[in-house]
N, C-alpha and C. Protein backbone atom coordinates (compact mmCIF):
# COMPACT_ATOMS: atom_id res chain seq x y z
N MET A 1 22.00 -118.74 68.68
CA MET A 1 21.92 -117.45 68.00
C MET A 1 22.93 -117.40 66.86
N PRO A 2 22.62 -116.65 65.81
CA PRO A 2 23.49 -116.66 64.63
C PRO A 2 24.78 -115.87 64.84
N ARG A 3 25.75 -116.22 64.01
CA ARG A 3 26.97 -115.42 63.88
C ARG A 3 26.95 -114.78 62.51
N LEU A 4 27.51 -113.59 62.45
CA LEU A 4 27.52 -112.82 61.21
C LEU A 4 28.96 -112.48 60.85
N LEU A 5 29.31 -112.74 59.59
CA LEU A 5 30.57 -112.24 59.05
C LEU A 5 30.24 -111.16 58.03
N LEU A 6 30.69 -109.95 58.30
CA LEU A 6 30.56 -108.84 57.37
C LEU A 6 31.86 -108.75 56.58
N LEU A 7 31.80 -109.02 55.29
CA LEU A 7 33.01 -109.08 54.49
C LEU A 7 32.96 -108.10 53.33
N ARG A 8 34.12 -107.55 52.99
CA ARG A 8 34.20 -106.70 51.81
C ARG A 8 34.05 -107.55 50.54
N HIS A 9 33.52 -106.95 49.50
CA HIS A 9 33.46 -107.64 48.21
C HIS A 9 34.86 -108.00 47.74
N SER A 10 34.95 -108.85 46.75
CA SER A 10 36.25 -109.29 46.23
C SER A 10 36.82 -108.27 45.24
N GLU A 11 37.95 -108.63 44.65
CA GLU A 11 38.74 -107.70 43.85
C GLU A 11 37.97 -107.15 42.65
N VAL A 12 38.09 -105.85 42.45
CA VAL A 12 37.60 -105.18 41.24
C VAL A 12 38.76 -104.39 40.63
N GLU A 13 38.65 -104.12 39.34
CA GLU A 13 39.72 -103.35 38.69
C GLU A 13 39.64 -101.87 39.05
N SER A 14 38.44 -101.38 39.32
CA SER A 14 38.25 -99.98 39.72
C SER A 14 36.89 -99.89 40.39
N HIS A 15 36.57 -98.72 40.92
CA HIS A 15 35.25 -98.47 41.48
C HIS A 15 34.47 -97.48 40.61
N ARG A 16 34.78 -97.46 39.33
CA ARG A 16 34.11 -96.54 38.41
C ARG A 16 32.84 -97.19 37.86
N GLY A 17 31.78 -97.07 38.62
CA GLY A 17 30.51 -97.65 38.20
C GLY A 17 30.23 -98.97 38.89
N ASP A 18 29.15 -99.61 38.46
CA ASP A 18 28.72 -100.88 39.07
C ASP A 18 29.45 -102.01 38.36
N VAL A 19 30.70 -102.21 38.74
CA VAL A 19 31.62 -103.07 37.99
C VAL A 19 31.59 -104.51 38.52
N PRO A 20 31.97 -105.49 37.69
CA PRO A 20 32.07 -106.88 38.15
C PRO A 20 33.38 -107.09 38.91
N ILE A 21 33.45 -108.20 39.64
CA ILE A 21 34.73 -108.60 40.21
C ILE A 21 35.58 -109.24 39.12
N THR A 22 36.88 -109.23 39.32
CA THR A 22 37.80 -109.80 38.34
C THR A 22 37.81 -111.32 38.42
N ASP A 23 38.48 -111.96 37.46
CA ASP A 23 38.64 -113.41 37.52
C ASP A 23 39.39 -113.81 38.80
N LYS A 24 40.41 -113.03 39.13
CA LYS A 24 41.12 -113.28 40.39
C LYS A 24 40.18 -113.09 41.57
N GLY A 25 39.30 -112.09 41.48
CA GLY A 25 38.33 -111.85 42.54
C GLY A 25 37.40 -113.04 42.74
N VAL A 26 37.00 -113.69 41.65
CA VAL A 26 36.17 -114.89 41.76
C VAL A 26 36.93 -115.98 42.50
N ARG A 27 38.21 -116.15 42.16
CA ARG A 27 39.01 -117.19 42.84
C ARG A 27 39.20 -116.87 44.32
N ILE A 28 39.44 -115.60 44.65
CA ILE A 28 39.61 -115.20 46.06
C ILE A 28 38.34 -115.53 46.84
N ALA A 29 37.19 -115.19 46.26
CA ALA A 29 35.93 -115.40 46.96
C ALA A 29 35.61 -116.90 47.09
N ALA A 30 35.87 -117.66 46.04
CA ALA A 30 35.61 -119.11 46.10
C ALA A 30 36.51 -119.76 47.15
N ASP A 31 37.77 -119.33 47.22
CA ASP A 31 38.67 -119.86 48.26
C ASP A 31 38.14 -119.52 49.65
N ALA A 32 37.62 -118.31 49.82
CA ALA A 32 37.04 -117.93 51.11
C ALA A 32 35.86 -118.83 51.44
N GLY A 33 35.03 -119.14 50.45
CA GLY A 33 33.90 -120.04 50.68
C GLY A 33 34.35 -121.42 51.11
N ARG A 34 35.40 -121.93 50.47
CA ARG A 34 35.90 -123.26 50.87
C ARG A 34 36.43 -123.23 52.30
N HIS A 35 37.06 -122.13 52.68
CA HIS A 35 37.55 -121.99 54.05
C HIS A 35 36.39 -121.92 55.04
N LEU A 36 35.35 -121.17 54.69
CA LEU A 36 34.21 -121.02 55.60
C LEU A 36 33.45 -122.33 55.77
N ALA A 37 33.52 -123.21 54.77
CA ALA A 37 32.82 -124.49 54.86
C ALA A 37 33.31 -125.34 56.03
N ALA A 38 34.52 -125.05 56.48
CA ALA A 38 35.10 -125.84 57.58
C ALA A 38 34.76 -125.29 58.96
N TRP A 39 34.00 -124.20 59.04
CA TRP A 39 33.70 -123.58 60.33
C TRP A 39 32.66 -124.38 61.10
N GLU A 40 33.09 -125.29 61.88
CA GLU A 40 32.27 -125.98 62.87
C GLU A 40 30.99 -126.60 62.30
N GLY A 41 31.00 -126.91 61.01
CA GLY A 41 29.86 -127.60 60.43
C GLY A 41 28.58 -126.81 60.36
N GLU A 42 28.64 -125.48 60.51
CA GLU A 42 27.44 -124.66 60.47
C GLU A 42 26.92 -124.52 59.03
N ARG A 43 25.60 -124.38 58.91
CA ARG A 43 25.04 -124.04 57.62
C ARG A 43 25.38 -122.58 57.33
N LEU A 44 25.68 -122.27 56.06
CA LEU A 44 26.00 -120.91 55.67
C LEU A 44 24.79 -120.28 55.00
N ARG A 45 24.45 -119.07 55.43
CA ARG A 45 23.51 -118.23 54.72
C ARG A 45 24.31 -117.07 54.14
N VAL A 46 24.22 -116.90 52.84
CA VAL A 46 25.02 -115.89 52.16
C VAL A 46 24.10 -114.80 51.62
N ILE A 47 24.38 -113.56 52.02
CA ILE A 47 23.60 -112.41 51.57
C ILE A 47 24.57 -111.32 51.11
N SER A 48 24.04 -110.31 50.45
CA SER A 48 24.94 -109.27 49.94
C SER A 48 24.21 -107.95 49.80
N GLY A 49 25.01 -106.90 49.61
CA GLY A 49 24.47 -105.64 49.15
C GLY A 49 24.03 -105.77 47.70
N GLU A 50 23.48 -104.69 47.15
CA GLU A 50 22.83 -104.80 45.85
C GLU A 50 23.77 -104.60 44.66
N THR A 51 25.00 -104.13 44.85
CA THR A 51 25.88 -103.88 43.73
C THR A 51 26.32 -105.19 43.08
N ARG A 52 26.74 -105.07 41.83
CA ARG A 52 27.18 -106.26 41.10
C ARG A 52 28.37 -106.91 41.78
N ARG A 53 29.33 -106.11 42.25
CA ARG A 53 30.52 -106.68 42.87
C ARG A 53 30.18 -107.43 44.16
N ALA A 54 29.18 -106.94 44.91
CA ALA A 54 28.78 -107.63 46.13
C ALA A 54 28.05 -108.93 45.80
N ARG A 55 27.14 -108.88 44.82
CA ARG A 55 26.38 -110.06 44.46
C ARG A 55 27.26 -111.15 43.86
N GLU A 56 28.21 -110.75 43.03
CA GLU A 56 29.11 -111.74 42.42
C GLU A 56 30.04 -112.36 43.47
N THR A 57 30.48 -111.56 44.43
CA THR A 57 31.29 -112.12 45.52
C THR A 57 30.50 -113.13 46.32
N ALA A 58 29.26 -112.79 46.64
CA ALA A 58 28.41 -113.72 47.39
C ALA A 58 28.22 -115.03 46.64
N ALA A 59 27.98 -114.95 45.33
CA ALA A 59 27.77 -116.16 44.54
C ALA A 59 29.03 -117.03 44.51
N ALA A 60 30.20 -116.39 44.40
CA ALA A 60 31.45 -117.16 44.37
C ALA A 60 31.74 -117.80 45.72
N ILE A 61 31.47 -117.10 46.80
CA ILE A 61 31.64 -117.68 48.13
C ILE A 61 30.72 -118.88 48.31
N ALA A 62 29.46 -118.72 47.91
CA ALA A 62 28.50 -119.83 48.03
C ALA A 62 28.96 -121.03 47.22
N GLY A 63 29.45 -120.78 46.00
CA GLY A 63 29.92 -121.88 45.16
C GLY A 63 31.11 -122.60 45.77
N GLY A 64 32.07 -121.84 46.29
CA GLY A 64 33.23 -122.47 46.91
C GLY A 64 32.86 -123.28 48.13
N ALA A 65 31.94 -122.76 48.94
CA ALA A 65 31.51 -123.49 50.14
C ALA A 65 30.79 -124.79 49.77
N ARG A 66 29.97 -124.74 48.73
CA ARG A 66 29.27 -125.97 48.30
C ARG A 66 30.27 -127.00 47.79
N GLU A 67 31.27 -126.56 47.03
CA GLU A 67 32.31 -127.48 46.55
C GLU A 67 33.00 -128.20 47.70
N ALA A 68 33.11 -127.51 48.83
CA ALA A 68 33.77 -128.09 50.00
C ALA A 68 32.80 -128.87 50.88
N GLY A 69 31.57 -129.02 50.44
CA GLY A 69 30.62 -129.88 51.15
C GLY A 69 29.70 -129.19 52.13
N ALA A 70 29.69 -127.86 52.15
CA ALA A 70 28.85 -127.16 53.11
C ALA A 70 27.41 -127.06 52.60
N GLU A 71 26.50 -126.98 53.54
CA GLU A 71 25.11 -126.65 53.21
C GLU A 71 25.02 -125.12 53.13
N VAL A 72 24.55 -124.62 51.99
CA VAL A 72 24.56 -123.19 51.74
C VAL A 72 23.17 -122.74 51.29
N VAL A 73 22.71 -121.64 51.89
CA VAL A 73 21.49 -120.98 51.44
C VAL A 73 21.89 -119.62 50.92
N GLU A 74 21.57 -119.34 49.65
CA GLU A 74 21.80 -118.00 49.10
C GLU A 74 20.54 -117.18 49.32
N ASP A 75 20.68 -116.13 50.14
CA ASP A 75 19.50 -115.44 50.66
C ASP A 75 19.30 -114.05 50.06
N GLY A 76 19.93 -113.79 48.91
CA GLY A 76 19.63 -112.57 48.19
C GLY A 76 20.28 -111.32 48.73
N VAL A 77 19.62 -110.18 48.47
CA VAL A 77 20.15 -108.86 48.79
C VAL A 77 19.54 -108.34 50.08
N ALA A 78 20.36 -107.75 50.93
CA ALA A 78 19.90 -107.12 52.16
C ALA A 78 20.16 -105.62 52.06
N PHE A 79 19.12 -104.83 52.19
CA PHE A 79 19.21 -103.37 52.02
C PHE A 79 20.20 -102.74 53.00
N ALA A 80 20.32 -103.30 54.19
CA ALA A 80 21.19 -102.72 55.21
C ALA A 80 22.66 -102.73 54.81
N LEU A 81 23.03 -103.58 53.85
CA LEU A 81 24.44 -103.73 53.48
C LEU A 81 24.88 -102.72 52.44
N ARG A 82 24.02 -101.78 52.09
CA ARG A 82 24.36 -100.77 51.08
C ARG A 82 25.45 -99.82 51.60
N ASN A 83 26.04 -99.12 50.66
CA ASN A 83 26.97 -98.06 51.01
C ASN A 83 26.25 -96.94 51.76
N PRO A 84 26.98 -96.03 52.42
CA PRO A 84 26.33 -94.93 53.13
C PRO A 84 25.41 -94.11 52.24
N ASP A 85 24.34 -93.60 52.83
CA ASP A 85 23.43 -92.71 52.12
C ASP A 85 23.99 -91.29 52.14
N LEU A 86 24.25 -90.74 50.96
CA LEU A 86 24.64 -89.34 50.81
C LEU A 86 23.60 -88.66 49.94
N TYR A 87 23.32 -87.38 50.22
CA TYR A 87 22.28 -86.66 49.50
C TYR A 87 22.86 -85.43 48.80
N LEU A 88 22.44 -85.27 47.56
CA LEU A 88 22.85 -84.14 46.75
C LEU A 88 21.59 -83.57 46.09
N ALA A 89 21.25 -82.35 46.43
CA ALA A 89 20.04 -81.70 45.89
C ALA A 89 18.80 -82.55 46.15
N GLY A 90 18.76 -83.19 47.31
CA GLY A 90 17.60 -83.96 47.69
C GLY A 90 17.54 -85.36 47.13
N VAL A 91 18.59 -85.82 46.45
CA VAL A 91 18.62 -87.15 45.83
C VAL A 91 19.72 -87.98 46.50
N ARG A 92 19.38 -89.23 46.83
CA ARG A 92 20.44 -90.12 47.34
C ARG A 92 21.37 -90.47 46.19
N VAL A 93 22.67 -90.26 46.41
CA VAL A 93 23.66 -90.52 45.36
C VAL A 93 24.65 -91.57 45.83
N ASP A 94 25.14 -92.36 44.87
CA ASP A 94 26.19 -93.32 45.15
C ASP A 94 27.52 -92.60 45.28
N MET A 95 28.43 -93.19 46.06
CA MET A 95 29.78 -92.67 46.18
C MET A 95 30.53 -92.96 44.87
N VAL A 96 30.77 -91.93 44.08
CA VAL A 96 31.45 -92.11 42.80
C VAL A 96 32.67 -91.19 42.74
N SER A 97 33.38 -91.24 41.60
CA SER A 97 34.71 -90.64 41.58
C SER A 97 34.86 -89.45 40.65
N SER A 98 33.76 -88.90 40.15
CA SER A 98 33.87 -87.70 39.32
C SER A 98 32.61 -86.87 39.48
N ALA A 99 32.76 -85.57 39.21
CA ALA A 99 31.60 -84.68 39.28
C ALA A 99 30.55 -85.08 38.26
N GLU A 100 30.98 -85.55 37.09
CA GLU A 100 30.04 -85.98 36.06
C GLU A 100 29.20 -87.16 36.53
N LYS A 101 29.83 -88.10 37.24
CA LYS A 101 29.08 -89.27 37.70
C LYS A 101 28.13 -88.92 38.85
N PHE A 102 28.45 -87.91 39.63
CA PHE A 102 27.47 -87.42 40.60
C PHE A 102 26.32 -86.71 39.87
N ALA A 103 26.65 -85.86 38.90
CA ALA A 103 25.63 -85.06 38.23
C ALA A 103 24.61 -85.93 37.50
N VAL A 104 25.05 -87.02 36.90
CA VAL A 104 24.13 -87.85 36.13
C VAL A 104 23.09 -88.53 37.03
N GLN A 105 23.36 -88.58 38.33
CA GLN A 105 22.41 -89.18 39.26
C GLN A 105 21.30 -88.20 39.69
N VAL A 106 21.48 -86.91 39.39
CA VAL A 106 20.54 -85.89 39.86
C VAL A 106 19.99 -85.12 38.66
N PRO A 107 18.75 -85.33 38.30
CA PRO A 107 18.19 -84.63 37.14
C PRO A 107 18.35 -83.12 37.25
N GLY A 108 18.85 -82.52 36.15
CA GLY A 108 18.98 -81.06 36.09
C GLY A 108 20.26 -80.51 36.67
N LEU A 109 21.12 -81.36 37.28
CA LEU A 109 22.36 -80.88 37.88
C LEU A 109 23.51 -81.07 36.90
N THR A 110 24.45 -80.14 36.88
CA THR A 110 25.64 -80.25 36.05
C THR A 110 26.85 -80.59 36.92
N ALA A 111 27.93 -80.98 36.26
CA ALA A 111 29.17 -81.25 36.99
C ALA A 111 29.64 -80.00 37.72
N GLU A 112 29.46 -78.84 37.10
CA GLU A 112 29.85 -77.58 37.75
C GLU A 112 29.02 -77.33 39.00
N ASP A 113 27.73 -77.69 38.96
CA ASP A 113 26.89 -77.56 40.15
C ASP A 113 27.42 -78.44 41.28
N VAL A 114 27.82 -79.65 40.94
CA VAL A 114 28.35 -80.58 41.95
C VAL A 114 29.58 -79.98 42.61
N LEU A 115 30.48 -79.42 41.80
CA LEU A 115 31.71 -78.85 42.32
C LEU A 115 31.47 -77.59 43.15
N GLY A 116 30.29 -77.04 43.05
CA GLY A 116 29.93 -75.90 43.88
C GLY A 116 29.44 -76.27 45.26
N VAL A 117 29.30 -77.57 45.53
CA VAL A 117 28.88 -78.04 46.85
C VAL A 117 30.13 -78.50 47.59
N GLU A 118 30.42 -77.86 48.72
CA GLU A 118 31.71 -78.05 49.38
C GLU A 118 32.03 -79.51 49.66
N PHE A 119 31.08 -80.26 50.21
CA PHE A 119 31.37 -81.65 50.56
C PHE A 119 31.82 -82.43 49.33
N PHE A 120 31.08 -82.32 48.24
CA PHE A 120 31.39 -83.12 47.06
C PHE A 120 32.64 -82.62 46.34
N GLU A 121 32.88 -81.32 46.37
CA GLU A 121 34.12 -80.79 45.80
C GLU A 121 35.32 -81.35 46.55
N GLN A 122 35.24 -81.41 47.88
CA GLN A 122 36.35 -81.94 48.66
C GLN A 122 36.46 -83.46 48.48
N TRP A 123 35.32 -84.15 48.44
CA TRP A 123 35.32 -85.61 48.22
C TRP A 123 36.14 -85.96 46.98
N LEU A 124 36.02 -85.16 45.94
CA LEU A 124 36.67 -85.45 44.67
C LEU A 124 38.16 -85.09 44.65
N THR A 125 38.64 -84.44 45.69
CA THR A 125 40.05 -84.02 45.70
C THR A 125 40.90 -84.73 46.74
N VAL A 126 40.31 -85.30 47.78
CA VAL A 126 41.13 -85.94 48.81
C VAL A 126 41.63 -87.30 48.33
N PRO A 127 42.83 -87.73 48.77
CA PRO A 127 43.37 -89.02 48.30
C PRO A 127 42.63 -90.24 48.85
N ASP A 128 42.15 -90.17 50.09
CA ASP A 128 41.41 -91.29 50.69
C ASP A 128 39.99 -90.81 50.95
N ARG A 129 39.13 -90.98 49.95
CA ARG A 129 37.77 -90.45 50.06
C ARG A 129 37.00 -91.10 51.20
N VAL A 130 37.10 -92.42 51.30
CA VAL A 130 36.35 -93.11 52.35
C VAL A 130 36.84 -92.68 53.72
N GLY A 131 38.15 -92.59 53.89
CA GLY A 131 38.69 -92.14 55.17
C GLY A 131 38.25 -90.74 55.52
N TRP A 132 38.16 -89.88 54.51
CA TRP A 132 37.69 -88.51 54.74
C TRP A 132 36.24 -88.52 55.18
N TRP A 133 35.41 -89.36 54.52
CA TRP A 133 34.01 -89.47 54.96
C TRP A 133 33.92 -90.03 56.37
N VAL A 134 34.68 -91.06 56.71
CA VAL A 134 34.65 -91.66 58.05
C VAL A 134 34.90 -90.60 59.12
N ALA A 135 35.84 -89.71 58.86
CA ALA A 135 36.22 -88.70 59.86
C ALA A 135 35.32 -87.47 59.84
N HIS A 136 34.46 -87.34 58.84
CA HIS A 136 33.66 -86.13 58.68
C HIS A 136 32.54 -86.09 59.72
N SER A 137 32.40 -84.97 60.39
CA SER A 137 31.40 -84.87 61.46
C SER A 137 30.01 -84.54 60.96
N ASN A 138 29.91 -83.99 59.74
CA ASN A 138 28.60 -83.55 59.27
C ASN A 138 28.47 -83.70 57.75
N PRO A 139 28.55 -84.93 57.25
CA PRO A 139 28.35 -85.13 55.82
C PRO A 139 26.88 -84.93 55.45
N PRO A 140 26.56 -84.74 54.17
CA PRO A 140 25.16 -84.59 53.78
C PRO A 140 24.47 -85.95 53.67
N GLY A 141 24.31 -86.58 54.80
CA GLY A 141 23.74 -87.92 54.84
C GLY A 141 24.29 -88.68 56.02
N ASP A 142 24.54 -89.96 55.82
CA ASP A 142 25.01 -90.82 56.91
C ASP A 142 26.39 -90.41 57.41
N THR A 143 26.54 -90.35 58.72
CA THR A 143 27.86 -90.33 59.34
C THR A 143 28.34 -91.77 59.51
N ALA A 144 29.62 -91.93 59.83
CA ALA A 144 30.13 -93.28 60.12
C ALA A 144 29.39 -93.89 61.30
N ALA A 145 29.09 -93.08 62.31
CA ALA A 145 28.37 -93.59 63.48
C ALA A 145 26.97 -94.08 63.10
N ALA A 146 26.31 -93.36 62.18
CA ALA A 146 24.98 -93.78 61.75
C ALA A 146 25.04 -95.12 61.01
N VAL A 147 26.05 -95.32 60.20
CA VAL A 147 26.18 -96.59 59.48
C VAL A 147 26.45 -97.73 60.46
N ALA A 148 27.32 -97.49 61.45
CA ALA A 148 27.59 -98.52 62.45
C ALA A 148 26.33 -98.87 63.23
N THR A 149 25.52 -97.86 63.56
CA THR A 149 24.26 -98.10 64.26
C THR A 149 23.31 -98.93 63.40
N ARG A 150 23.25 -98.61 62.11
CA ARG A 150 22.41 -99.38 61.18
C ARG A 150 22.83 -100.85 61.15
N ILE A 151 24.12 -101.09 61.08
CA ILE A 151 24.61 -102.47 60.99
C ILE A 151 24.36 -103.22 62.30
N ARG A 152 24.52 -102.55 63.43
CA ARG A 152 24.23 -103.23 64.70
C ARG A 152 22.75 -103.59 64.80
N ALA A 153 21.87 -102.71 64.35
CA ALA A 153 20.44 -103.01 64.37
C ALA A 153 20.11 -104.17 63.43
N PHE A 154 20.70 -104.14 62.25
CA PHE A 154 20.52 -105.23 61.29
C PHE A 154 21.00 -106.56 61.88
N ALA A 155 22.19 -106.55 62.47
CA ALA A 155 22.74 -107.78 63.05
C ALA A 155 21.85 -108.29 64.17
N GLY A 156 21.38 -107.40 65.04
CA GLY A 156 20.52 -107.83 66.13
C GLY A 156 19.24 -108.48 65.65
N SER A 157 18.73 -108.02 64.50
CA SER A 157 17.48 -108.59 63.97
C SER A 157 17.65 -110.00 63.45
N LEU A 158 18.88 -110.42 63.19
CA LEU A 158 19.10 -111.75 62.63
C LEU A 158 18.71 -112.86 63.60
N GLY A 159 18.60 -112.52 64.87
CA GLY A 159 18.19 -113.52 65.85
C GLY A 159 16.69 -113.72 65.94
N ASP A 160 15.92 -113.03 65.08
CA ASP A 160 14.47 -113.13 65.16
C ASP A 160 13.93 -114.46 64.66
N ARG A 161 14.68 -115.15 63.81
CA ARG A 161 14.23 -116.45 63.34
C ARG A 161 14.45 -117.48 64.44
N PRO A 162 13.41 -118.15 64.90
CA PRO A 162 13.59 -119.14 65.99
C PRO A 162 14.57 -120.23 65.58
N GLY A 163 15.51 -120.50 66.48
CA GLY A 163 16.46 -121.59 66.26
C GLY A 163 17.47 -121.34 65.17
N ASP A 164 17.64 -120.09 64.75
CA ASP A 164 18.57 -119.79 63.66
C ASP A 164 19.99 -119.72 64.20
N GLY A 165 20.75 -120.80 63.98
CA GLY A 165 22.14 -120.83 64.42
C GLY A 165 23.10 -120.81 63.25
N ASP A 166 22.65 -120.29 62.11
CA ASP A 166 23.49 -120.28 60.92
C ASP A 166 24.69 -119.35 61.07
N LEU A 167 25.71 -119.63 60.26
CA LEU A 167 26.77 -118.65 60.03
C LEU A 167 26.33 -117.82 58.84
N ILE A 168 26.10 -116.53 59.05
CA ILE A 168 25.59 -115.64 58.01
C ILE A 168 26.75 -114.85 57.45
N VAL A 169 26.96 -115.00 56.15
CA VAL A 169 28.04 -114.31 55.46
C VAL A 169 27.43 -113.18 54.66
N ALA A 170 27.79 -111.95 55.00
CA ALA A 170 27.16 -110.77 54.40
C ALA A 170 28.22 -109.95 53.67
N ILE A 171 28.02 -109.79 52.37
CA ILE A 171 29.01 -109.08 51.55
C ILE A 171 28.60 -107.62 51.42
N THR A 172 29.53 -106.74 51.79
CA THR A 172 29.25 -105.32 51.81
C THR A 172 30.44 -104.56 51.23
N HIS A 173 30.65 -103.34 51.69
CA HIS A 173 31.61 -102.43 51.07
C HIS A 173 32.54 -101.81 52.11
N SER A 174 33.65 -101.29 51.60
CA SER A 174 34.66 -100.70 52.46
C SER A 174 34.12 -99.64 53.42
N PRO A 175 33.30 -98.65 52.97
CA PRO A 175 32.84 -97.64 53.93
C PRO A 175 32.07 -98.23 55.11
N VAL A 176 31.27 -99.26 54.85
CA VAL A 176 30.51 -99.90 55.93
C VAL A 176 31.46 -100.55 56.93
N LEU A 177 32.46 -101.26 56.43
CA LEU A 177 33.39 -101.96 57.31
C LEU A 177 34.26 -100.97 58.09
N ARG A 178 34.68 -99.90 57.45
CA ARG A 178 35.51 -98.92 58.16
C ARG A 178 34.71 -98.19 59.22
N ALA A 179 33.43 -97.92 58.95
CA ALA A 179 32.57 -97.30 59.96
C ALA A 179 32.40 -98.22 61.16
N CYS A 180 32.19 -99.51 60.91
CA CYS A 180 32.03 -100.46 62.01
C CYS A 180 33.33 -100.64 62.79
N ALA A 181 34.46 -100.68 62.08
CA ALA A 181 35.75 -100.82 62.76
C ALA A 181 36.01 -99.62 63.66
N LEU A 182 35.66 -98.42 63.20
CA LEU A 182 35.81 -97.24 64.04
C LEU A 182 34.94 -97.36 65.29
N ASP A 183 33.73 -97.86 65.13
CA ASP A 183 32.82 -98.04 66.26
C ASP A 183 33.38 -99.05 67.26
N ILE A 184 34.03 -100.09 66.75
CA ILE A 184 34.55 -101.16 67.62
C ILE A 184 35.84 -100.75 68.32
N THR A 185 36.76 -100.16 67.57
CA THR A 185 38.12 -99.95 68.08
C THR A 185 38.44 -98.49 68.39
N GLY A 186 37.63 -97.56 67.88
CA GLY A 186 37.92 -96.15 68.06
C GLY A 186 38.88 -95.58 67.04
N ALA A 187 39.26 -96.40 66.04
CA ALA A 187 40.20 -95.93 65.02
C ALA A 187 39.77 -96.48 63.66
N ASP A 188 40.00 -95.68 62.62
CA ASP A 188 39.75 -96.12 61.26
C ASP A 188 40.95 -96.93 60.78
N PRO A 189 40.76 -98.22 60.44
CA PRO A 189 41.91 -99.04 60.07
C PRO A 189 42.37 -98.85 58.63
N GLY A 190 41.68 -98.05 57.85
CA GLY A 190 42.01 -97.93 56.43
C GLY A 190 41.30 -98.99 55.61
N GLU A 191 41.66 -99.05 54.35
CA GLU A 191 40.97 -99.96 53.43
C GLU A 191 41.19 -101.42 53.81
N PRO A 192 40.12 -102.19 54.00
CA PRO A 192 40.28 -103.62 54.29
C PRO A 192 40.67 -104.39 53.03
N ASN A 193 41.30 -105.52 53.23
CA ASN A 193 41.61 -106.40 52.10
C ASN A 193 40.33 -106.96 51.51
N TRP A 194 40.44 -107.49 50.31
CA TRP A 194 39.30 -108.15 49.68
C TRP A 194 38.81 -109.31 50.55
N VAL A 195 37.53 -109.44 50.68
CA VAL A 195 36.88 -110.55 51.42
C VAL A 195 37.44 -110.67 52.84
N SER A 196 37.64 -109.53 53.48
CA SER A 196 38.00 -109.51 54.90
C SER A 196 37.01 -108.59 55.60
N GLY A 197 37.02 -108.61 56.93
CA GLY A 197 36.06 -107.73 57.58
C GLY A 197 35.87 -107.96 59.05
N ILE A 198 34.63 -108.19 59.46
CA ILE A 198 34.23 -108.14 60.87
C ILE A 198 33.35 -109.33 61.20
N GLU A 199 33.55 -109.89 62.39
CA GLU A 199 32.68 -110.95 62.90
C GLU A 199 31.79 -110.38 64.00
N ALA A 200 30.52 -110.73 63.95
CA ALA A 200 29.55 -110.28 64.95
C ALA A 200 28.84 -111.49 65.55
N GLN A 201 28.69 -111.48 66.86
CA GLN A 201 27.91 -112.50 67.56
C GLN A 201 26.65 -111.85 68.09
N VAL A 202 25.51 -112.41 67.69
CA VAL A 202 24.23 -111.88 68.14
C VAL A 202 23.80 -112.63 69.39
N HIS A 203 23.42 -111.89 70.43
CA HIS A 203 23.01 -112.48 71.70
C HIS A 203 21.49 -112.43 71.85
N PRO A 204 20.93 -113.22 72.75
CA PRO A 204 19.47 -113.28 72.87
C PRO A 204 18.78 -111.95 73.13
N ASP A 205 19.48 -111.00 73.74
CA ASP A 205 18.88 -109.69 74.02
C ASP A 205 19.04 -108.71 72.86
N ARG A 206 19.46 -109.23 71.68
CA ARG A 206 19.71 -108.43 70.48
C ARG A 206 20.99 -107.61 70.56
N ILE A 207 21.69 -107.66 71.67
CA ILE A 207 22.98 -107.01 71.75
C ILE A 207 23.96 -107.77 70.86
N THR A 208 24.78 -107.04 70.14
CA THR A 208 25.73 -107.64 69.20
C THR A 208 27.14 -107.25 69.59
N THR A 209 27.98 -108.25 69.77
CA THR A 209 29.40 -107.98 70.01
C THR A 209 30.15 -108.21 68.70
N MET A 210 31.10 -107.32 68.43
CA MET A 210 31.81 -107.37 67.15
C MET A 210 33.31 -107.34 67.38
N ARG A 211 34.00 -107.93 66.46
CA ARG A 211 35.47 -107.83 66.44
C ARG A 211 35.95 -107.78 65.00
N VAL A 212 37.04 -107.04 64.80
CA VAL A 212 37.65 -106.96 63.49
C VAL A 212 38.46 -108.23 63.27
N LEU A 213 38.20 -108.91 62.17
CA LEU A 213 38.92 -110.15 61.88
C LEU A 213 40.35 -109.83 61.44
N PRO A 214 41.32 -110.64 61.88
CA PRO A 214 42.69 -110.44 61.39
C PRO A 214 42.76 -110.70 59.89
N GLU A 215 43.53 -109.89 59.18
CA GLU A 215 43.65 -110.07 57.75
C GLU A 215 44.80 -111.01 57.43
N ALA A 216 44.59 -111.81 56.39
CA ALA A 216 45.64 -112.73 55.98
C ALA A 216 46.85 -111.93 55.47
N PRO A 217 48.07 -112.41 55.73
CA PRO A 217 49.24 -111.67 55.28
C PRO A 217 49.32 -111.66 53.75
């Protein structure tokens, strides 16, 4: 049965938009790929969420692993690895950092309209937005528990390919990892380091056991 590593994307200068990873971020991800190439000789399948930072991290990890001699399959984008679904005026919106960036995602809405919605007004004022969402019991969309349930279902499905014993490296985002860590440990660990995250083992009954990986000092 496959093993899954859920990892945060590599370094970005900011989260203002669909931004690329930095040059340092490319090096961090390639180093991670070279390290993963040594894991028990397993073939690596590399997948990612749809954002540019996730896709670029996946490509750099795949490149580093190949340089180190690993067999690597780049398997594209997996919808389950997206950030949490939040809804504003009936539209799914990305987690962004200004009322203007929320408003531009919803036809006919202004920044002032966004600030009139309690959840989004508070989202824009708290210092740790992701942590505030993780602890929120009734956001307009996914709760942390719902995201963790989604990821467990996704992980369990990875065993559907007969004989698939690959190490699957899945690049995702901080909110997904923090939701899963809360599900595993009962506590929100805060922002994970770049290219760190969670290991999941898929069992024949589709049950998935997970553990938070120790972060490098």
